[in-house]
Amino acid sequence: MKTLIQRLALPLVTLLVLSTPALSAGPKISWDLDDALKQVDRQADDFKSAMARVEIVRRDLGGVELSREQGTVFVDRKGKIRLDTDAPKHRSYIVEGSTLHIHYPGEKRVEEYSLSRHKNRMEPFIRLGFNNSGRDLKDDYLLTSLGERDIGESRTLGLELTPEKEKTRAVMGKAQLWIDQASWMPTEQVITASSQGEEITLTYTFVARNLELNPDLFSTRWPRGTDKQKIK
């Protein structure tokens, strides 16, 4: 699988580096919230898949960094997620329906979590801003505009998302979603994990959308000899 990911990622990274223009020094656009959500709707209408590099930083609510790692993330139209973290602690997370699989290839084992039981898992929130429409966001969250911000080479528009449902707020208090105004794909997500007392920042680079991803990326058929552990 590592060979497949490298084969997919290298040409895309090269293409994106060569084709991404420098951040414009022109005037900034002031977005009305409803207009921004319409743009999100437009990108969601023809969304098929996305692939990106991601850096994940976890901090406690006092701002002290707890961990930092990098990896590659894949999302498909149905909301399936695959996250492969880099060495030395390589593992793969696959979110499929109501189940989270965490595969530790070096240890030849996989953990399976029922998301209906383990509601405190943050992995499903990775899909925020990828396959969600503006209508989805309005239905599920109280939305506030955070204005504009430059993140790396991206000029972004920020939305703060507060879950409408109290049960969801007990897991995720709120999220900041920073959307690239050129691609209308996420550049950064800042998620407050209420149940864990953490803030998780995911920063995306080399984002490519509507690729023909190999369906096997989301497969949960594990190598022979893999120990499957259902976590209660």
Protein backbone atom coordinates (compact mmCIF):
# COMPACT_ATOMS: atom_id res chain seq x y z
CA MET A 1 0.00 0.00 0.00
CA LYS A 2 2.88 2.36 0.68
CA THR A 3 4.00 1.90 -2.92
CA LEU A 4 0.52 2.71 -4.18
CA ILE A 5 0.33 5.88 -2.08
CA GLN A 6 3.75 7.02 -3.21
CA ARG A 7 2.77 6.32 -6.83
CA LEU A 8 -0.36 8.42 -6.44
CA ALA A 9 1.13 11.22 -4.41
CA LEU A 10 4.43 12.05 -6.15
CA PRO A 11 3.03 13.13 -9.54
CA LEU A 12 0.27 15.10 -7.82
CA VAL A 13 2.66 16.88 -5.49
CA THR A 14 4.88 17.81 -8.45
CA LEU A 15 1.88 19.04 -10.47
CA LEU A 16 0.51 21.09 -7.60
CA VAL A 17 3.85 22.70 -6.79
CA LEU A 18 4.31 23.71 -10.43
CA SER A 19 0.75 24.88 -10.99
CA THR A 20 -0.19 26.63 -7.72
CA PRO A 21 0.15 30.40 -8.09
CA ALA A 22 1.67 32.57 -5.41
CA LEU A 23 -0.82 34.11 -3.02
CA SER A 24 -2.35 37.11 -4.69
CA ALA A 25 -1.60 40.52 -3.28
CA GLY A 26 -4.91 41.83 -4.63
CA PRO A 27 -7.87 43.05 -2.60
CA LYS A 28 -9.58 40.57 -0.30
CA ILE A 29 -13.20 39.57 -0.80
CA SER A 30 -15.65 40.03 2.06
CA TRP A 31 -17.89 36.97 1.97
CA ASP A 32 -21.49 36.96 3.13
CA LEU A 33 -22.13 33.73 5.08
CA ASP A 34 -24.95 32.63 2.77
CA ASP A 35 -22.82 33.27 -0.33
CA ALA A 36 -19.96 31.26 1.17
CA LEU A 37 -22.29 28.32 1.87
CA LYS A 38 -23.52 28.45 -1.73
CA GLN A 39 -19.91 28.11 -2.88
CA VAL A 40 -19.48 25.12 -0.55
CA ASP A 41 -22.63 23.64 -2.12
CA ARG A 42 -21.19 24.04 -5.61
CA GLN A 43 -17.98 22.17 -4.76
CA ALA A 44 -19.95 19.46 -2.94
CA ASP A 45 -22.21 18.86 -5.95
CA ASP A 46 -19.36 17.51 -8.09
CA PHE A 47 -17.12 16.17 -5.30
CA LYS A 48 -15.91 12.61 -5.94
CA SER A 49 -12.79 12.25 -3.85
CA ALA A 50 -9.87 14.07 -2.26
CA MET A 51 -6.31 13.33 -1.32
CA ALA A 52 -4.03 15.54 0.77
CA ARG A 53 -1.04 15.66 3.02
CA VAL A 54 -2.01 16.47 6.59
CA GLU A 55 -0.25 17.55 9.77
CA ILE A 56 -2.10 16.74 12.99
CA VAL A 57 -1.26 18.63 16.17
CA ARG A 58 -2.93 17.85 19.49
CA ARG A 59 -2.84 20.35 22.35
CA ASP A 60 -4.49 20.49 25.73
CA LEU A 61 -6.98 23.29 26.30
CA GLY A 62 -4.19 25.36 27.85
CA GLY A 63 -2.31 25.33 24.54
CA VAL A 64 0.43 22.84 25.53
CA GLU A 65 1.37 20.59 22.60
CA LEU A 66 0.75 16.90 23.29
CA SER A 67 1.68 15.33 19.95
CA ARG A 68 2.47 16.12 16.32
CA GLU A 69 2.45 13.79 13.33
CA GLN A 70 2.03 13.84 9.57
CA GLY A 71 0.33 11.60 7.07
CA THR A 72 -1.79 11.26 3.96
CA VAL A 73 -5.58 11.41 3.99
CA PHE A 74 -8.12 10.15 1.45
CA VAL A 75 -11.86 10.92 1.42
CA ASP A 76 -14.48 9.64 -1.01
CA ARG A 77 -17.91 10.96 -1.94
CA LYS A 78 -19.67 8.61 0.48
CA GLY A 79 -17.63 9.96 3.37
CA LYS A 80 -15.24 7.05 3.74
CA ILE A 81 -11.95 8.19 5.23
CA ARG A 82 -8.48 6.70 5.17
CA LEU A 83 -5.62 8.29 7.09
CA ASP A 84 -2.12 6.82 6.84
CA THR A 85 0.33 8.24 9.35
CA ASP A 86 4.03 8.45 8.49
CA ALA A 87 6.80 6.36 10.03
CA PRO A 88 8.07 5.69 12.61
CA LYS A 89 4.60 5.07 14.12
CA HIS A 90 2.89 4.06 10.90
CA ARG A 91 -0.74 3.04 11.17
CA SER A 92 -3.87 3.33 9.04
CA TYR A 93 -7.25 4.64 10.15
CA ILE A 94 -10.28 3.72 8.04
CA VAL A 95 -13.72 5.12 8.80
CA GLU A 96 -16.38 3.08 7.04
CA GLY A 97 -20.01 3.65 7.97
CA SER A 98 -20.33 3.35 11.74
CA THR A 99 -17.02 1.53 12.25
CA LEU A 100 -13.47 2.79 12.78
CA HIS A 101 -10.60 0.45 11.95
CA ILE A 102 -7.05 1.17 13.14
CA HIS A 103 -4.47 -1.06 11.48
CA TYR A 104 -0.99 -1.46 12.98
CA PRO A 105 0.89 -3.29 10.20
CA GLY A 106 4.13 -3.60 12.15
CA GLU A 107 2.26 -5.37 14.96
CA LYS A 108 0.00 -7.37 12.63
CA ARG A 109 -3.16 -6.30 14.39
CA VAL A 110 -6.22 -4.17 13.80
CA GLU A 111 -8.55 -2.53 16.31
CA GLU A 112 -12.23 -2.15 15.46
CA TYR A 113 -14.39 0.47 17.16
CA SER A 114 -18.16 0.81 16.90
CA LEU A 115 -18.68 4.56 16.57
CA SER A 116 -22.13 4.26 18.12
CA ARG A 117 -20.41 3.03 21.29
CA HIS A 118 -17.20 5.06 21.06
CA LYS A 119 -18.76 8.44 20.43
CA ASN A 120 -15.62 10.25 21.60
CA ARG A 121 -13.59 9.28 18.51
CA MET A 122 -12.63 12.35 16.47
CA GLU A 123 -11.74 10.59 13.19
CA PRO A 124 -15.20 10.99 11.57
CA PHE A 125 -14.88 14.79 11.83
CA ILE A 126 -11.98 14.71 9.33
CA ARG A 127 -14.58 14.73 6.54
CA LEU A 128 -15.77 18.22 7.54
CA GLY A 129 -15.44 20.51 4.54
CA PHE A 130 -14.63 17.72 2.09
CA ASN A 131 -17.92 16.03 1.20
CA ASN A 132 -20.29 18.22 3.25
CA SER A 133 -22.62 20.57 1.43
CA GLY A 134 -23.49 23.99 2.77
CA ARG A 135 -26.97 22.62 3.45
CA ASP A 136 -25.48 19.83 5.57
CA LEU A 137 -23.51 22.32 7.61
CA LYS A 138 -26.54 24.56 8.17
CA ASP A 139 -28.65 21.60 9.28
CA ASP A 140 -26.11 20.21 11.76
CA TYR A 141 -24.31 23.28 13.10
CA LEU A 142 -24.79 26.82 14.29
CA LEU A 143 -22.53 28.72 11.87
CA THR A 144 -20.53 31.89 12.43
CA SER A 145 -18.25 33.61 9.94
CA LEU A 146 -14.66 34.06 11.16
CA GLY A 147 -13.61 36.30 8.27
CA GLU A 148 -10.52 35.70 6.15
CA ARG A 149 -7.02 34.50 6.95
CA ASP A 150 -3.90 33.59 4.96
CA ILE A 151 -2.61 30.08 5.71
CA GLY A 152 0.55 29.28 3.79
CA GLU A 153 -0.19 29.91 0.12
CA SER A 154 -3.96 29.80 0.65
CA ARG A 155 -6.33 32.68 1.20
CA THR A 156 -9.01 31.14 3.36
CA LEU A 157 -12.48 31.87 4.65
CA GLY A 158 -13.24 30.72 8.19
CA LEU A 159 -16.42 29.23 9.58
CA GLU A 160 -17.02 28.32 13.21
CA LEU A 161 -19.24 25.28 13.63
CA THR A 162 -21.07 24.64 16.89
CA PRO A 163 -23.07 21.39 16.87
CA GLU A 164 -26.82 21.85 17.18
CA LYS A 165 -27.27 18.60 19.13
CA GLU A 166 -26.26 18.53 22.77
CA LYS A 167 -24.99 14.93 22.43
CA THR A 168 -22.61 16.01 19.67
CA ARG A 169 -21.42 19.04 21.66
CA ALA A 170 -20.46 16.68 24.50
CA VAL A 171 -17.99 15.08 22.06
CA MET A 172 -16.97 18.05 19.91
CA GLY A 173 -17.60 21.43 21.45
CA LYS A 174 -16.94 23.35 18.24
CA ALA A 175 -14.79 23.40 15.14
CA GLN A 176 -13.14 26.05 13.02
CA LEU A 177 -13.13 25.24 9.32
CA TRP A 178 -10.78 27.30 7.13
CA ILE A 179 -11.62 26.88 3.44
CA ASP A 180 -9.32 27.73 0.51
CA GLN A 181 -11.11 30.33 -1.61
CA ALA A 182 -9.56 28.96 -4.82
CA SER A 183 -10.51 25.28 -4.44
CA TRP A 184 -13.20 25.50 -1.72
CA MET A 185 -11.54 22.59 0.02
CA PRO A 186 -10.33 22.58 3.65
CA THR A 187 -6.97 24.13 4.44
CA GLU A 188 -7.28 23.78 8.20
CA GLN A 189 -9.65 22.30 10.76
CA VAL A 190 -9.41 23.17 14.46
CA ILE A 191 -11.53 20.77 16.50
CA THR A 192 -12.23 21.14 20.21
CA ALA A 193 -12.65 17.62 21.56
CA SER A 194 -14.83 18.24 24.61
CA SER A 195 -14.76 14.64 25.81
CA GLN A 196 -10.94 14.49 25.71
CA GLY A 197 -10.10 18.02 26.83
CA GLU A 198 -8.01 18.57 23.71
CA GLU A 199 -7.80 20.84 20.69
CA ILE A 200 -6.83 19.09 17.45
CA THR A 201 -5.50 21.10 14.49
CA LEU A 202 -5.37 19.46 11.08
CA THR A 203 -3.54 21.43 8.37
CA TYR A 204 -3.83 20.23 4.77
CA THR A 205 -1.38 20.76 1.91
CA PHE A 206 -1.17 19.46 -1.66
CA VAL A 207 -4.94 18.97 -1.73
CA ALA A 208 -6.15 17.28 -4.92
CA ARG A 209 -9.80 16.55 -5.64
CA ASN A 210 -11.76 14.21 -7.89
CA LEU A 211 -9.02 11.66 -8.38
CA GLU A 212 -9.71 8.11 -9.53
CA LEU A 213 -8.80 6.55 -6.22
CA ASN A 214 -8.30 2.82 -6.02
CA PRO A 215 -11.27 1.39 -4.05
CA ASP A 216 -8.81 -0.90 -2.26
CA LEU A 217 -7.61 2.14 -0.31
CA PHE A 218 -10.78 1.83 1.78
CA SER A 219 -10.72 -1.96 1.97
CA THR A 220 -10.91 -3.59 5.39
CA ARG A 221 -9.52 -6.92 4.18
CA TRP A 222 -6.35 -7.32 6.21
CA PRO A 223 -3.23 -9.40 5.49
CA ARG A 224 -3.38 -13.02 6.57
CA GLY A 225 -2.33 -13.45 10.17
CA THR A 226 -3.65 -10.05 11.29
CA ASP A 227 -5.09 -10.18 14.82
CA LYS A 228 -8.54 -8.51 14.87
CA GLN A 229 -9.51 -6.91 18.15
CA LYS A 230 -13.02 -5.52 18.72
CA ILE A 231 -12.76 -2.77 21.30
CA LYS A 232 -15.75 -2.76 23.68
